[in-house]
Amino acid sequence: MIKQKRGMSAWIWILIALVLIGVGIGIYFLVTSGNGSSIFSGGNSIPQPPALPN
């Protein structure tokens, strides 16, 4: 009985780790999307200058 409970808790910890990794990757893609409206986007908030004429 104790061995089964220990195995179940290992699966729960693995699941928690995978969820945290997924949330981290989601936040990373949300931050680096380059829309410029996010506080975390850093230097991406500077608008691009207009193109030079030929």
PDB file of N, CA and C in Angstrom:
ATOM      1  N   MET A   1       0.844  -1.202   0.000  1.00  0.00           N
ATOM      2  CA  MET A   1       0.000   0.000   0.000  1.00  0.00           C
ATOM      3  C   MET A   1       0.880   1.253   0.000  1.00  0.00           C
ATOM      4  N   ILE A   2       1.948   1.250   0.791  1.00  0.00           N
ATOM      5  CA  ILE A   2       2.817   2.426   0.850  1.00  0.00           C
ATOM      6  C   ILE A   2       3.537   2.615  -0.485  1.00  0.00           C
ATOM      7  N   LYS A   3       3.943   1.502  -1.112  1.00  0.00           N
ATOM      8  CA  LYS A   3       4.649   1.591  -2.382  1.00  0.00           C
ATOM      9  C   LYS A   3       3.736   2.178  -3.460  1.00  0.00           C
ATOM     10  N   GLN A   4       2.470   1.785  -3.453  1.00  0.00           N
ATOM     11  CA  GLN A   4       1.524   2.301  -4.440  1.00  0.00           C
ATOM     12  C   GLN A   4       1.306   3.807  -4.231  1.00  0.00           C
ATOM     13  N   LYS A   5       1.224   4.239  -2.984  1.00  0.00           N
ATOM     14  CA  LYS A   5       1.038   5.662  -2.702  1.00  0.00           C
ATOM     15  C   LYS A   5       2.269   6.460  -3.133  1.00  0.00           C
ATOM     16  N   ARG A   6       3.455   5.909  -2.929  1.00  0.00           N
ATOM     17  CA  ARG A   6       4.686   6.592  -3.326  1.00  0.00           C
ATOM     18  C   ARG A   6       4.747   6.722  -4.851  1.00  0.00           C
ATOM     19  N   GLY A   7       4.333   5.689  -5.572  1.00  0.00           N
ATOM     20  CA  GLY A   7       4.307   5.751  -7.025  1.00  0.00           C
ATOM     21  C   GLY A   7       3.306   6.777  -7.533  1.00  0.00           C
ATOM     22  N   MET A   8       2.169   6.857  -6.863  1.00  0.00           N
ATOM     23  CA  MET A   8       1.153   7.825  -7.252  1.00  0.00           C
ATOM     24  C   MET A   8       1.662   9.244  -7.022  1.00  0.00           C
ATOM     25  N   SER A   9       2.357   9.484  -5.928  1.00  0.00           N
ATOM     26  CA  SER A   9       2.862  10.826  -5.663  1.00  0.00           C
ATOM     27  C   SER A   9       3.950  11.200  -6.666  1.00  0.00           C
ATOM     28  N   ALA A  10       4.725  10.213  -7.140  1.00  0.00           N
ATOM     29  CA  ALA A  10       5.724  10.495  -8.171  1.00  0.00           C
ATOM     30  C   ALA A  10       5.044  10.963  -9.450  1.00  0.00           C
ATOM     31  N   TRP A  11       3.958  10.314  -9.837  1.00  0.00           N
ATOM     32  CA  TRP A  11       3.220  10.735 -11.036  1.00  0.00           C
ATOM     33  C   TRP A  11       2.634  12.129 -10.858  1.00  0.00           C
ATOM     34  N   ILE A  12       2.179  12.440  -9.647  1.00  0.00           N
ATOM     35  CA  ILE A  12       1.629  13.773  -9.387  1.00  0.00           C
ATOM     36  C   ILE A  12       2.724  14.822  -9.526  1.00  0.00           C
ATOM     37  N   TRP A  13       3.925  14.551  -9.010  1.00  0.00           N
ATOM     38  CA  TRP A  13       5.026  15.513  -9.132  1.00  0.00           C
ATOM     39  C   TRP A  13       5.461  15.680 -10.582  1.00  0.00           C
ATOM     40  N   ILE A  14       5.465  14.589 -11.338  1.00  0.00           N
ATOM     41  CA  ILE A  14       5.800  14.685 -12.761  1.00  0.00           C
ATOM     42  C   ILE A  14       4.764  15.533 -13.487  1.00  0.00           C
ATOM     43  N   LEU A  15       3.508  15.338 -13.168  1.00  0.00           N
ATOM     44  CA  LEU A  15       2.446  16.121 -13.791  1.00  0.00           C
ATOM     45  C   LEU A  15       2.573  17.596 -13.442  1.00  0.00           C
ATOM     46  N   ILE A  16       2.868  17.912 -12.184  1.00  0.00           N
ATOM     47  CA  ILE A  16       3.061  19.301 -11.767  1.00  0.00           C
ATOM     48  C   ILE A  16       4.238  19.923 -12.509  1.00  0.00           C
ATOM     49  N   ALA A  17       5.333  19.174 -12.655  1.00  0.00           N
ATOM     50  CA  ALA A  17       6.503  19.689 -13.370  1.00  0.00           C
ATOM     51  C   ALA A  17       6.159  19.974 -14.832  1.00  0.00           C
ATOM     52  N   LEU A  18       5.422  19.080 -15.484  1.00  0.00           N
ATOM     53  CA  LEU A  18       5.049  19.296 -16.874  1.00  0.00           C
ATOM     54  C   LEU A  18       4.135  20.503 -17.030  1.00  0.00           C
ATOM     55  N   VAL A  19       3.217  20.685 -16.088  1.00  0.00           N
ATOM     56  CA  VAL A  19       2.335  21.847 -16.142  1.00  0.00           C
ATOM     57  C   VAL A  19       3.144  23.135 -15.986  1.00  0.00           C
ATOM     58  N   LEU A  20       4.090  23.145 -15.046  1.00  0.00           N
ATOM     59  CA  LEU A  20       4.920  24.338 -14.854  1.00  0.00           C
ATOM     60  C   LEU A  20       5.769  24.639 -16.090  1.00  0.00           C
ATOM     61  N   ILE A  21       6.314  23.599 -16.708  1.00  0.00           N
ATOM     62  CA  ILE A  21       7.089  23.802 -17.933  1.00  0.00           C
ATOM     63  C   ILE A  21       6.192  24.361 -19.035  1.00  0.00           C
ATOM     64  N   GLY A  22       4.993  23.818 -19.160  1.00  0.00           N
ATOM     65  CA  GLY A  22       4.053  24.314 -20.174  1.00  0.00           C
ATOM     66  C   GLY A  22       3.664  25.759 -19.936  1.00  0.00           C
ATOM     67  N   VAL A  23       3.422  26.122 -18.686  1.00  0.00           N
ATOM     68  CA  VAL A  23       3.087  27.513 -18.360  1.00  0.00           C
ATOM     69  C   VAL A  23       4.270  28.426 -18.665  1.00  0.00           C
ATOM     70  N   GLY A  24       5.470  27.973 -18.339  1.00  0.00           N
ATOM     71  CA  GLY A  24       6.660  28.774 -18.630  1.00  0.00           C
ATOM     72  C   GLY A  24       6.844  29.007 -20.115  1.00  0.00           C
ATOM     73  N   ILE A  25       6.654  27.960 -20.915  1.00  0.00           N
ATOM     74  CA  ILE A  25       6.783  28.111 -22.368  1.00  0.00           C
ATOM     75  C   ILE A  25       5.680  29.027 -22.899  1.00  0.00           C
ATOM     76  N   GLY A  26       4.489  28.896 -22.369  1.00  0.00           N
ATOM     77  CA  GLY A  26       3.392  29.773 -22.802  1.00  0.00           C
ATOM     78  C   GLY A  26       3.662  31.226 -22.481  1.00  0.00           C
ATOM     79  N   ILE A  27       4.173  31.504 -21.289  1.00  0.00           N
ATOM     80  CA  ILE A  27       4.506  32.883 -20.917  1.00  0.00           C
ATOM     81  C   ILE A  27       5.642  33.399 -21.794  1.00  0.00           C
ATOM     82  N   TYR A  28       6.622  32.546 -22.088  1.00  0.00           N
ATOM     83  CA  TYR A  28       7.741  32.951 -22.941  1.00  0.00           C
ATOM     84  C   TYR A  28       7.240  33.374 -24.324  1.00  0.00           C
ATOM     85  N   PHE A  29       6.358  32.567 -24.922  1.00  0.00           N
ATOM     86  CA  PHE A  29       5.845  32.920 -26.241  1.00  0.00           C
ATOM     87  C   PHE A  29       4.934  34.139 -26.177  1.00  0.00           C
ATOM     88  N   LEU A  30       4.204  34.302 -25.077  1.00  0.00           N
ATOM     89  CA  LEU A  30       3.354  35.468 -24.920  1.00  0.00           C
ATOM     90  C   LEU A  30       4.189  36.738 -24.810  1.00  0.00           C
ATOM     91  N   VAL A  31       5.293  36.660 -24.076  1.00  0.00           N
ATOM     92  CA  VAL A  31       6.165  37.820 -23.876  1.00  0.00           C
ATOM     93  C   VAL A  31       6.932  38.148 -25.152  1.00  0.00           C
ATOM     94  N   THR A  32       7.394  37.137 -25.859  1.00  0.00           N
ATOM     95  CA  THR A  32       8.226  37.369 -27.040  1.00  0.00           C
ATOM     96  C   THR A  32       7.418  37.428 -28.327  1.00  0.00           C
ATOM     97  N   SER A  33       6.113  37.643 -28.230  1.00  0.00           N
ATOM     98  CA  SER A  33       5.301  37.703 -29.442  1.00  0.00           C
ATOM     99  C   SER A  33       5.584  38.970 -30.240  1.00  0.00           C
ATOM    100  N   GLY A  34       6.156  40.014 -29.611  1.00  0.00           N
ATOM    101  CA  GLY A  34       6.560  41.209 -30.324  1.00  0.00           C
ATOM    102  C   GLY A  34       5.428  42.167 -30.629  1.00  0.00           C
ATOM    103  N   ASN A  35       4.334  42.079 -29.904  1.00  0.00           N
ATOM    104  CA  ASN A  35       3.235  43.004 -30.178  1.00  0.00           C
ATOM    105  C   ASN A  35       3.500  44.389 -29.598  1.00  0.00           C
ATOM    106  N   GLY A  36       4.441  44.533 -28.682  1.00  0.00           N
ATOM    107  CA  GLY A  36       4.828  45.830 -28.159  1.00  0.00           C
ATOM    108  C   GLY A  36       3.911  46.372 -27.080  1.00  0.00           C
ATOM    109  N   SER A  37       2.777  45.750 -26.841  1.00  0.00           N
ATOM    110  CA  SER A  37       1.860  46.261 -25.828  1.00  0.00           C
ATOM    111  C   SER A  37       2.162  45.705 -24.447  1.00  0.00           C
ATOM    112  N   SER A  38       3.025  44.699 -24.373  1.00  0.00           N
ATOM    113  CA  SER A  38       3.351  44.079 -23.098  1.00  0.00           C
ATOM    114  C   SER A  38       4.442  44.860 -22.380  1.00  0.00           C
ATOM    115  N   ILE A  39       4.378  44.889 -21.067  1.00  0.00           N
ATOM    116  CA  ILE A  39       5.403  45.556 -20.267  1.00  0.00           C
ATOM    117  C   ILE A  39       6.716  44.791 -20.394  1.00  0.00           C
ATOM    118  N   PHE A  40       6.628  43.456 -20.514  1.00  0.00           N
ATOM    119  CA  PHE A  40       7.803  42.605 -20.498  1.00  0.00           C
ATOM    120  C   PHE A  40       8.521  42.543 -21.839  1.00  0.00           C
ATOM    121  N   SER A  41       7.999  43.186 -22.885  1.00  0.00           N
ATOM    122  CA  SER A  41       8.575  43.002 -24.211  1.00  0.00           C
ATOM    123  C   SER A  41       9.864  43.780 -24.403  1.00  0.00           C
ATOM    124  N   GLY A  42      10.220  44.647 -23.493  1.00  0.00           N
ATOM    125  CA  GLY A  42      11.515  45.317 -23.532  1.00  0.00           C
ATOM    126  C   GLY A  42      11.638  46.282 -24.678  1.00  0.00           C
ATOM    127  N   GLY A  43      12.662  46.099 -25.510  1.00  0.00           N
ATOM    128  CA  GLY A  43      12.932  47.020 -26.604  1.00  0.00           C
ATOM    129  C   GLY A  43      11.987  46.901 -27.773  1.00  0.00           C
ATOM    130  N   ASN A  44      11.087  45.961 -27.746  1.00  0.00           N
ATOM    131  CA  ASN A  44      10.163  45.793 -28.861  1.00  0.00           C
ATOM    132  C   ASN A  44       9.074  46.860 -28.883  1.00  0.00           C
ATOM    133  N   SER A  45       9.015  47.713 -27.871  1.00  0.00           N
ATOM    134  CA  SER A  45       7.958  48.714 -27.833  1.00  0.00           C
ATOM    135  C   SER A  45       8.288  49.924 -28.706  1.00  0.00           C
ATOM    136  N   ILE A  46       9.505  50.001 -29.264  1.00  0.00           N
ATOM    137  CA  ILE A  46       9.877  51.110 -30.137  1.00  0.00           C
ATOM    138  C   ILE A  46       9.290  50.841 -31.514  1.00  0.00           C
ATOM    139  N   PRO A  47       8.507  51.776 -32.062  1.00  0.00           N
ATOM    140  CA  PRO A  47       7.918  51.531 -33.391  1.00  0.00           C
ATOM    141  C   PRO A  47       8.977  51.562 -34.479  1.00  0.00           C
ATOM    142  N   GLN A  48       8.714  50.816 -35.550  1.00  0.00           N
ATOM    143  CA  GLN A  48       9.650  50.754 -36.669  1.00  0.00           C
ATOM    144  C   GLN A  48       9.508  52.022 -37.518  1.00  0.00           C
ATOM    145  N   PRO A  49      10.615  52.635 -37.929  1.00  0.00           N
ATOM    146  CA  PRO A  49      10.513  53.837 -38.751  1.00  0.00           C
ATOM    147  C   PRO A  49       9.989  53.511 -40.146  1.00  0.00           C
ATOM    148  N   PRO A  50       9.433  54.504 -40.845  1.00  0.00           N
ATOM    149  CA  PRO A  50       8.920  54.225 -42.193  1.00  0.00           C
ATOM    150  C   PRO A  50      10.061  53.900 -43.157  1.00  0.00           C
ATOM    151  N   ALA A  51       9.715  53.151 -44.207  1.00  0.00           N
ATOM    152  CA  ALA A  51      10.724  52.723 -45.172  1.00  0.00           C
ATOM    153  C   ALA A  51      11.185  53.916 -46.000  1.00  0.00           C
ATOM    154  N   LEU A  52      12.456  53.876 -46.380  1.00  0.00           N
ATOM    155  CA  LEU A  52      13.016  54.946 -47.209  1.00  0.00           C
ATOM    156  C   LEU A  52      12.530  54.782 -48.642  1.00  0.00           C
ATOM    157  N   PRO A  53      12.277  55.895 -49.325  1.00  0.00           N
ATOM    158  CA  PRO A  53      11.825  55.777 -50.747  1.00  0.00           C
ATOM    159  C   PRO A  53      12.975  55.355 -51.654  1.00  0.00           C
ATOM    160  N   ASN A  54      12.622  54.724 -52.748  1.00  0.00           N
ATOM    161  CA  ASN A  54      13.622  54.330 -53.723  1.00  0.00           C
ATOM    162  C   ASN A  54      14.026  55.552 -54.478  1.00  0.00           C
TER     163      ASN A  54
END
